[in-house]
C-alpha atoms as a PDB file:
ATOM      1  CA  MET A   1    -224.369 127.462  -7.657  1.00  0.00           C
ATOM      2  CA  GLN A   2    -222.612 129.262 -10.515  1.00  0.00           C
ATOM      3  CA  LEU A   3    -224.788 132.321 -11.059  1.00  0.00           C
ATOM      4  CA  ARG A   4    -223.585 135.252 -13.072  1.00  0.00           C
ATOM      5  CA  PRO A   5    -225.169 138.593 -14.063  1.00  0.00           C
ATOM      6  CA  HIS A   6    -226.977 138.689 -17.383  1.00  0.00           C
ATOM      7  CA  HIS A   7    -229.330 141.666 -17.770  1.00  0.00           C
ATOM      8  CA  ILE A   8    -231.637 144.249 -16.236  1.00  0.00           C
ATOM      9  CA  GLY A   9    -235.132 144.704 -17.718  1.00  0.00           C
ATOM     10  CA  ILE A  10    -236.539 148.253 -18.090  1.00  0.00           C
ATOM     11  CA  ILE A  11    -239.993 149.204 -19.429  1.00  0.00           C
ATOM     12  CA  VAL A  12    -239.719 152.309 -21.652  1.00  0.00           C
ATOM     13  CA  SER A  13    -242.343 154.683 -22.991  1.00  0.00           C
ATOM     14  CA  ASP A  14    -240.514 155.640 -26.251  1.00  0.00           C
ATOM     15  CA  LEU A  15    -238.148 152.957 -27.577  1.00  0.00           C
ATOM     16  CA  GLU A  16    -236.271 155.132 -30.107  1.00  0.00           C
ATOM     17  CA  ARG A  17    -235.603 157.813 -27.461  1.00  0.00           C
ATOM     18  CA  SER A  18    -234.400 155.263 -24.926  1.00  0.00           C
ATOM     19  CA  VAL A  19    -232.213 153.465 -27.433  1.00  0.00           C
ATOM     20  CA  ALA A  20    -230.614 156.784 -28.415  1.00  0.00           C
ATOM     21  CA  PHE A  21    -229.975 157.690 -24.735  1.00  0.00           C
ATOM     22  CA  TYR A  22    -228.364 154.336 -23.929  1.00  0.00           C
ATOM     23  CA  GLU A  23    -226.256 154.498 -27.176  1.00  0.00           C
ATOM     24  CA  ALA A  24    -224.998 157.893 -25.968  1.00  0.00           C
ATOM     25  CA  LEU A  25    -223.876 156.105 -22.759  1.00  0.00           C
ATOM     26  CA  GLY A  26    -221.898 153.559 -24.869  1.00  0.00           C
ATOM     27  CA  PHE A  27    -224.437 150.691 -25.136  1.00  0.00           C
ATOM     28  CA  ARG A  28    -224.938 148.998 -28.505  1.00  0.00           C
ATOM     29  CA  THR A  29    -227.993 147.204 -29.711  1.00  0.00           C
ATOM     30  CA  ALA A  30    -227.481 143.407 -29.611  1.00  0.00           C
ATOM     31  CA  ASN A  31    -230.876 142.087 -30.492  1.00  0.00           C
ATOM     32  CA  VAL A  32    -234.374 143.339 -31.277  1.00  0.00           C
ATOM     33  CA  ILE A  33    -237.340 141.086 -30.825  1.00  0.00           C
ATOM     34  CA  PRO A  34    -240.657 142.455 -32.016  1.00  0.00           C
ATOM     35  CA  SER A  35    -243.862 140.582 -31.210  1.00  0.00           C
ATOM     36  CA  ASP A  36    -245.828 139.175 -34.162  1.00  0.00           C
ATOM     37  CA  ASP A  37    -248.893 141.378 -33.376  1.00  0.00           C
ATOM     38  CA  GLY A  38    -246.901 144.600 -32.865  1.00  0.00           C
ATOM     39  CA  SER A  39    -247.989 144.925 -29.228  1.00  0.00           C
ATOM     40  CA  ARG A  40    -244.432 144.745 -27.803  1.00  0.00           C
ATOM     41  CA  THR A  41    -240.757 145.120 -28.807  1.00  0.00           C
ATOM     42  CA  ILE A  42    -237.895 143.945 -26.736  1.00  0.00           C
ATOM     43  CA  THR A  43    -234.423 145.441 -27.398  1.00  0.00           C
ATOM     44  CA  PHE A  44    -231.293 144.077 -25.801  1.00  0.00           C
ATOM     45  CA  MET A  45    -228.443 146.440 -25.456  1.00  0.00           C
ATOM     46  CA  GLU A  46    -224.972 145.767 -24.059  1.00  0.00           C
ATOM     47  CA  LEU A  47    -221.985 147.591 -22.723  1.00  0.00           C
ATOM     48  CA  GLY A  48    -218.994 145.496 -21.620  1.00  0.00           C
ATOM     49  CA  GLY A  49    -220.473 142.457 -19.909  1.00  0.00           C
ATOM     50  CA  MET A  50    -223.649 144.299 -18.870  1.00  0.00           C
ATOM     51  CA  GLN A  51    -226.955 143.973 -20.785  1.00  0.00           C
ATOM     52  CA  ILE A  52    -230.183 145.902 -20.410  1.00  0.00           C
ATOM     53  CA  GLU A  53    -233.418 144.700 -21.885  1.00  0.00           C
ATOM     54  CA  LEU A  54    -235.662 147.470 -22.951  1.00  0.00           C
ATOM     55  CA  PHE A  55    -239.388 146.598 -23.126  1.00  0.00           C
ATOM     56  CA  TRP A  56    -241.667 148.771 -25.239  1.00  0.00           C
ATOM     57  CA  TYR A  57    -245.457 148.219 -25.265  1.00  0.00           C
ATOM     58  CA  ALA A  58    -247.958 149.638 -27.758  1.00  0.00           C
ATOM     59  CA  GLU A  59    -250.406 150.068 -24.823  1.00  0.00           C
ATOM     60  CA  THR A  60    -248.950 152.829 -22.695  1.00  0.00           C
ATOM     61  CA  PRO A  61    -247.787 151.408 -19.358  1.00  0.00           C
ATOM     62  CA  ARG A  62    -248.866 153.174 -16.191  1.00  0.00           C
ATOM     63  CA  THR A  63    -246.407 155.335 -14.364  1.00  0.00           C
ATOM     64  CA  VAL A  64    -245.815 154.637 -10.682  1.00  0.00           C
ATOM     65  CA  GLU A  65    -244.432 157.432  -8.471  1.00  0.00           C
ATOM     66  CA  ARG A  66    -241.431 156.226  -6.527  1.00  0.00           C
ATOM     67  CA  GLY A  67    -240.387 157.755  -3.257  1.00  0.00           C
ATOM     68  CA  GLU A  68    -237.087 157.852  -1.437  1.00  0.00           C
ATOM     69  CA  ARG A  69    -236.404 154.689   0.569  1.00  0.00           C
ATOM     70  CA  GLN A  70    -239.023 152.757  -1.179  1.00  0.00           C
ATOM     71  CA  LEU A  71    -238.445 149.006  -1.425  1.00  0.00           C
ATOM     72  CA  GLY A  72    -237.342 147.650  -4.792  1.00  0.00           C
ATOM     73  CA  PHE A  73    -234.987 148.598  -7.598  1.00  0.00           C
ATOM     74  CA  VAL A  74    -233.161 151.880  -6.942  1.00  0.00           C
ATOM     75  CA  HIS A  75    -230.541 152.281  -9.673  1.00  0.00           C
ATOM     76  CA  PHE A  76    -227.859 150.562 -11.659  1.00  0.00           C
ATOM     77  CA  ALA A  77    -224.225 151.799 -11.770  1.00  0.00           C
ATOM     78  CA  LEU A  78    -221.735 152.405 -14.616  1.00  0.00           C
ATOM     79  CA  GLN A  79    -218.093 152.878 -13.639  1.00  0.00           C
ATOM     80  CA  THR A  80    -216.025 155.495 -15.336  1.00  0.00           C
ATOM     81  CA  ASP A  81    -212.520 157.017 -14.968  1.00  0.00           C
ATOM     82  CA  ASP A  82    -213.853 160.570 -15.436  1.00  0.00           C
ATOM     83  CA  VAL A  83    -217.291 161.161 -13.947  1.00  0.00           C
ATOM     84  CA  GLU A  84    -216.985 164.939 -14.208  1.00  0.00           C
ATOM     85  CA  GLY A  85    -216.051 164.809 -17.916  1.00  0.00           C
ATOM     86  CA  ASP A  86    -218.686 162.219 -18.796  1.00  0.00           C
ATOM     87  CA  LEU A  87    -221.419 164.194 -17.000  1.00  0.00           C
ATOM     88  CA  ALA A  88    -220.383 167.409 -18.841  1.00  0.00           C
ATOM     89  CA  GLU A  89    -220.490 165.565 -22.158  1.00  0.00           C
ATOM     90  CA  LEU A  90    -224.004 164.221 -21.412  1.00  0.00           C
ATOM     91  CA  LYS A  91    -225.195 167.700 -20.496  1.00  0.00           C
ATOM     92  CA  VAL A  92    -223.820 169.184 -23.775  1.00  0.00           C
ATOM     93  CA  LYS A  93    -225.737 166.434 -25.619  1.00  0.00           C
ATOM     94  CA  GLY A  94    -228.917 167.408 -23.707  1.00  0.00           C
ATOM     95  CA  LEU A  95    -229.235 164.015 -22.206  1.00  0.00           C
ATOM     96  CA  VAL A  96    -228.896 165.061 -18.633  1.00  0.00           C
ATOM     97  CA  PRO A  97    -230.480 167.953 -16.760  1.00  0.00           C
ATOM     98  CA  GLU A  98    -228.118 170.923 -16.087  1.00  0.00           C
ATOM     99  CA  ASP A  99    -228.770 170.730 -12.330  1.00  0.00           C
ATOM    100  CA  VAL A 100    -227.265 167.255 -11.969  1.00  0.00           C
ATOM    101  CA  GLN A 101    -224.032 167.487 -10.007  1.00  0.00           C
ATOM    102  CA  THR A 102    -221.318 165.123  -8.828  1.00  0.00           C
ATOM    103  CA  ARG A 103    -220.808 164.353  -5.175  1.00  0.00           C
ATOM    104  CA  SER A 104    -217.889 162.896  -3.239  1.00  0.00           C
ATOM    105  CA  VAL A 105    -218.460 159.882  -0.992  1.00  0.00           C
ATOM    106  CA  PRO A 106    -215.354 159.525   1.188  1.00  0.00           C
ATOM    107  CA  PRO A 107    -213.001 157.856   1.234  1.00  0.00           C
ATOM    108  CA  ARG A 108    -212.760 157.251  -2.540  1.00  0.00           C
ATOM    109  CA  PHE A 109    -215.893 157.671  -4.689  1.00  0.00           C
ATOM    110  CA  THR A 110    -217.240 160.442  -6.938  1.00  0.00           C
ATOM    111  CA  LEU A 111    -220.797 159.847  -8.032  1.00  0.00           C
ATOM    112  CA  ALA A 112    -223.450 161.375 -10.253  1.00  0.00           C
ATOM    113  CA  PHE A 113    -227.023 160.149 -10.549  1.00  0.00           C
ATOM    114  CA  ILE A 114    -228.658 160.739 -13.868  1.00  0.00           C
ATOM    115  CA  PRO A 115    -232.216 159.817 -15.081  1.00  0.00           C
ATOM    116  CA  ASP A 116    -232.849 157.907 -18.254  1.00  0.00           C
ATOM    117  CA  PRO A 117    -235.736 159.284 -20.403  1.00  0.00           C
ATOM    118  CA  ASP A 118    -238.334 157.475 -18.228  1.00  0.00           C
ATOM    119  CA  GLY A 119    -236.670 158.398 -14.826  1.00  0.00           C
ATOM    120  CA  VAL A 120    -234.719 155.202 -14.180  1.00  0.00           C
ATOM    121  CA  GLU A 121    -231.787 156.296 -12.112  1.00  0.00           C
ATOM    122  CA  ILE A 122    -228.245 155.533 -13.328  1.00  0.00           C
ATOM    123  CA  GLU A 123    -225.265 156.026 -11.095  1.00  0.00           C
ATOM    124  CA  LEU A 124    -222.075 157.179 -12.753  1.00  0.00           C
ATOM    125  CA  MET A 125    -219.270 156.102 -10.395  1.00  0.00           C
ATOM    126  CA  GLN A 126    -215.598 156.987 -10.385  1.00  0.00           C
ATOM    127  CA  GLU A 127    -213.387 155.211  -7.854  1.00  0.00           C
ATOM    128  CA  GLY A 128    -210.155 156.667  -6.681  1.00  0.00           C
END
C-alpha cells in the first residue's frame, strides 16, 4: 500500500465564519464546490500539506454533544514553533476564548487545545 494523508472533513454551521477562522490559522481556500440546488457548499482549505474539507448545508445539521473519552474523532493537530505567541495572537483576534491555556507534556511538548467556531478541537503543538 502507498497511502498518504489528504484531508479531514468537518461539517460547519456558518461557512463564512469557519473560513475566516481557518484563514486566521493560516489555511487558504483551495476550492469551493457549491451544489446546483444550493443545498450544500464544500470548501477545501489547505495549510502546508494538510487539507480540511468544510461542509456547509442549507438545512441546519443537528448538534451532537460529545463527552470525554468518547469513541471517534477527538482533534487534529497543527505544529508551531511558538505555541504561547500563536495562542496570544488568536486571543487578541477574538478567535480563542481567554481561558484557554497552554500546558506542558513532559518530556518535550507544549500544547494548547482551541475550539473552532463549531467546537471542533484543534491542538496547537510545540515540540522542544
